[in-house]
Amino acid sequence: MSYSALSNGSKVTSAVAAVIEDAAGRVLLCRQAGGHRLWGLPGGKIRAAESPVHAIIRDIREETGLETEIVELIGMYQLTGDGCGAAMPDLFVHVFRGRLDGDGPALNAPGRISGLAWHSPDALPEPLTVTTRAAIADAAAKRIGVIREVERDTEPEVVEA
């Protein structure tokens, strides 16, 4: 795993995510295959020497099998806190608004995610990542260029498959 160090010595990793809406205004969410099986936006970690835009296009292709048009940057979110334990590094997430090219997403990365589903921003599933919650609220309010620090939720119970 690739980490960078902040000036205070703590570690941070960089990631990307995208808010993708369908014609009905529902948001595409992915459910993690492992861990706490949280729902979140499509995306993942930025690889070495990869730009955030290239990373989100790659991750969406890997997860859904579809190409994506990146429309704009909704914001940058720094996930901090010890809600899930002190060993968790900070996560810096670039969240974009994207538009899928194609008929519809298909689960294309079963080792990483266990499901893809469209959800109304007013009826989001739980457990949901705190970054996803904040980014969807910003996207629904038509905000762009947001810079926000979000605090980790406490560790949720592991949901059975």
Protein backbone atom coordinates (compact mmCIF):
# COMPACT_ATOMS: atom_id res chain seq x y z
CA MET A 1 0.00 0.00 0.00
CA SER A 2 1.26 3.46 -0.84
CA TYR A 3 1.21 6.06 1.91
CA SER A 4 2.44 9.62 2.18
CA ALA A 5 3.36 11.26 5.45
CA LEU A 6 1.75 14.48 6.64
CA SER A 7 3.83 17.17 8.33
CA ASN A 8 2.62 15.90 11.73
CA GLY A 9 3.98 12.41 10.94
CA SER A 10 0.64 10.71 10.39
CA LYS A 11 0.10 8.66 7.24
CA VAL A 12 -2.35 9.45 4.46
CA THR A 13 -3.35 7.49 1.39
CA SER A 14 -4.97 8.98 -1.71
CA ALA A 15 -8.13 7.64 -3.32
CA VAL A 16 -10.83 8.58 -5.81
CA ALA A 17 -14.59 8.17 -6.00
CA ALA A 18 -17.39 9.27 -8.31
CA VAL A 19 -20.99 10.32 -7.87
CA ILE A 20 -22.78 8.82 -10.89
CA GLU A 21 -26.50 9.43 -11.31
CA ASP A 22 -29.01 7.73 -13.61
CA ALA A 23 -31.84 9.51 -15.45
CA ALA A 24 -34.08 9.17 -12.35
CA GLY A 25 -31.50 10.92 -10.12
CA ARG A 26 -30.46 7.75 -8.29
CA VAL A 27 -26.80 7.32 -7.31
CA LEU A 28 -24.72 4.26 -8.18
CA LEU A 29 -23.26 2.60 -5.08
CA CYS A 30 -20.93 -0.36 -4.61
CA ARG A 31 -20.98 -2.72 -1.65
CA GLN A 32 -17.61 -3.88 -0.37
CA ALA A 33 -17.02 -7.63 -0.64
CA GLY A 34 -14.98 -7.81 2.56
CA GLY A 35 -14.53 -6.07 5.87
CA HIS A 36 -17.64 -4.31 7.10
CA ARG A 37 -19.36 -4.61 3.69
CA LEU A 38 -19.97 -0.87 3.59
CA TRP A 39 -21.80 0.81 0.74
CA GLY A 40 -19.79 3.50 -1.03
CA LEU A 41 -19.21 5.31 -4.27
CA PRO A 42 -17.36 3.56 -7.09
CA GLY A 43 -13.64 4.22 -6.86
CA GLY A 44 -10.46 3.14 -5.15
CA LYS A 45 -6.85 3.96 -4.39
CA ILE A 46 -4.67 6.02 -6.68
CA ARG A 47 -1.74 3.99 -7.97
CA ALA A 48 1.84 5.29 -8.12
CA ALA A 49 2.34 7.80 -10.97
CA GLU A 50 -1.41 7.84 -11.71
CA SER A 51 -3.49 11.03 -11.82
CA PRO A 52 -6.79 11.18 -9.92
CA VAL A 53 -8.74 11.43 -13.20
CA HIS A 54 -7.02 8.37 -14.68
CA ALA A 55 -7.53 6.49 -11.40
CA ILE A 56 -11.30 7.09 -11.29
CA ILE A 57 -11.77 6.15 -14.95
CA ARG A 58 -9.77 2.93 -14.36
CA ASP A 59 -11.60 2.03 -11.15
CA ILE A 60 -15.06 2.56 -12.63
CA ARG A 61 -14.10 0.46 -15.67
CA GLU A 62 -12.81 -2.30 -13.35
CA GLU A 63 -15.92 -2.22 -11.13
CA THR A 64 -18.69 -1.74 -13.73
CA GLY A 65 -17.21 -2.72 -17.10
CA LEU A 66 -18.17 0.71 -18.49
CA GLU A 67 -16.32 3.82 -19.57
CA THR A 68 -16.95 7.08 -17.71
CA GLU A 69 -17.00 10.71 -18.67
CA ILE A 70 -15.69 12.87 -15.83
CA VAL A 71 -17.82 16.02 -15.61
CA GLU A 72 -16.36 17.95 -12.67
CA LEU A 73 -14.68 17.75 -9.28
CA ILE A 74 -17.26 17.77 -6.52
CA GLY A 75 -14.62 18.01 -3.84
CA MET A 76 -11.69 16.71 -1.88
CA TYR A 77 -12.42 14.98 1.41
CA GLN A 78 -9.91 14.10 4.11
CA LEU A 79 -11.14 11.18 6.20
CA THR A 80 -9.64 11.31 9.67
CA GLY A 81 -10.23 9.94 13.15
CA ASP A 82 -9.95 6.77 15.17
CA GLY A 83 -13.55 5.53 14.79
CA CYS A 84 -12.33 2.23 13.33
CA GLY A 85 -9.11 1.99 15.35
CA ALA A 86 -5.91 3.96 15.70
CA ALA A 87 -4.08 2.00 12.98
CA MET A 88 -6.19 3.50 10.18
CA PRO A 89 -4.32 6.08 8.06
CA ASP A 90 -6.01 9.27 6.95
CA LEU A 91 -7.61 8.95 3.54
CA PHE A 92 -7.64 11.82 1.05
CA VAL A 93 -10.42 11.28 -1.51
CA HIS A 94 -10.94 13.20 -4.77
CA VAL A 95 -14.67 12.90 -5.57
CA PHE A 96 -15.81 13.56 -9.12
CA ARG A 97 -19.18 13.75 -10.83
CA GLY A 98 -19.21 11.21 -13.64
CA ARG A 99 -21.45 9.97 -16.39
CA LEU A 100 -21.42 6.34 -17.57
CA ASP A 101 -21.14 5.48 -21.25
CA GLY A 102 -23.20 2.35 -21.93
CA ASP A 103 -26.42 0.56 -21.13
CA GLY A 104 -25.91 -0.17 -17.47
CA PRO A 105 -23.28 -1.24 -14.99
CA ALA A 106 -22.51 -4.87 -14.31
CA LEU A 107 -20.61 -6.27 -11.35
CA ASN A 108 -17.15 -6.57 -12.83
CA ALA A 109 -14.91 -6.85 -9.73
CA PRO A 110 -16.46 -9.53 -7.50
CA GLY A 111 -13.32 -9.82 -5.36
CA ARG A 112 -13.53 -6.14 -4.33
CA ILE A 113 -17.25 -5.45 -4.41
CA SER A 114 -20.23 -7.73 -3.81
CA GLY A 115 -22.87 -5.63 -5.49
CA LEU A 116 -23.81 -2.55 -7.49
CA ALA A 117 -27.14 -0.80 -7.01
CA TRP A 118 -28.87 2.48 -7.76
CA HIS A 119 -30.17 4.33 -4.68
CA SER A 120 -32.15 7.50 -4.17
CA PRO A 121 -30.08 10.16 -2.37
CA ASP A 122 -33.01 10.38 0.07
CA ALA A 123 -32.94 6.65 0.89
CA LEU A 124 -29.31 5.56 1.10
CA PRO A 125 -28.45 2.07 2.41
CA GLU A 126 -26.55 1.38 5.62
CA PRO A 127 -23.85 0.89 6.54
CA LEU A 128 -22.58 3.70 4.31
CA THR A 129 -19.15 5.31 4.30
CA VAL A 130 -19.06 8.78 5.83
CA THR A 131 -17.23 10.14 2.79
CA THR A 132 -20.00 8.83 0.52
CA ARG A 133 -22.64 10.45 2.72
CA ALA A 134 -20.86 13.84 2.60
CA ALA A 135 -20.11 13.70 -1.14
CA ILE A 136 -23.67 12.76 -2.11
CA ALA A 137 -25.02 15.64 0.02
CA ASP A 138 -22.61 18.05 -1.69
CA ALA A 139 -23.49 16.69 -5.14
CA ALA A 140 -27.24 16.96 -4.45
CA ALA A 141 -26.72 20.59 -3.38
CA LYS A 142 -24.84 21.18 -6.69
CA ARG A 143 -21.65 22.15 -4.85
CA ILE A 144 -18.30 21.87 -6.63
CA GLY A 145 -14.75 22.43 -5.41
CA VAL A 146 -15.60 21.45 -1.83
CA ILE A 147 -12.72 20.89 0.58
CA ARG A 148 -13.92 19.06 3.67
CA GLU A 149 -12.54 17.07 6.57
CA VAL A 150 -14.82 14.24 7.65
CA GLU A 151 -14.54 12.13 10.79
CA ARG A 152 -14.70 8.33 10.60
CA ASP A 153 -17.83 6.72 11.96
CA THR A 154 -17.41 4.19 14.74
CA GLU A 155 -16.78 0.69 13.50
CA PRO A 156 -20.05 -0.84 12.29
CA GLU A 157 -21.02 -4.45 12.87
CA VAL A 158 -19.97 -6.82 10.10
CA VAL A 159 -23.03 -7.56 8.00
CA GLU A 160 -23.43 -11.17 6.91
CA ALA A 161 -23.64 -11.91 3.18
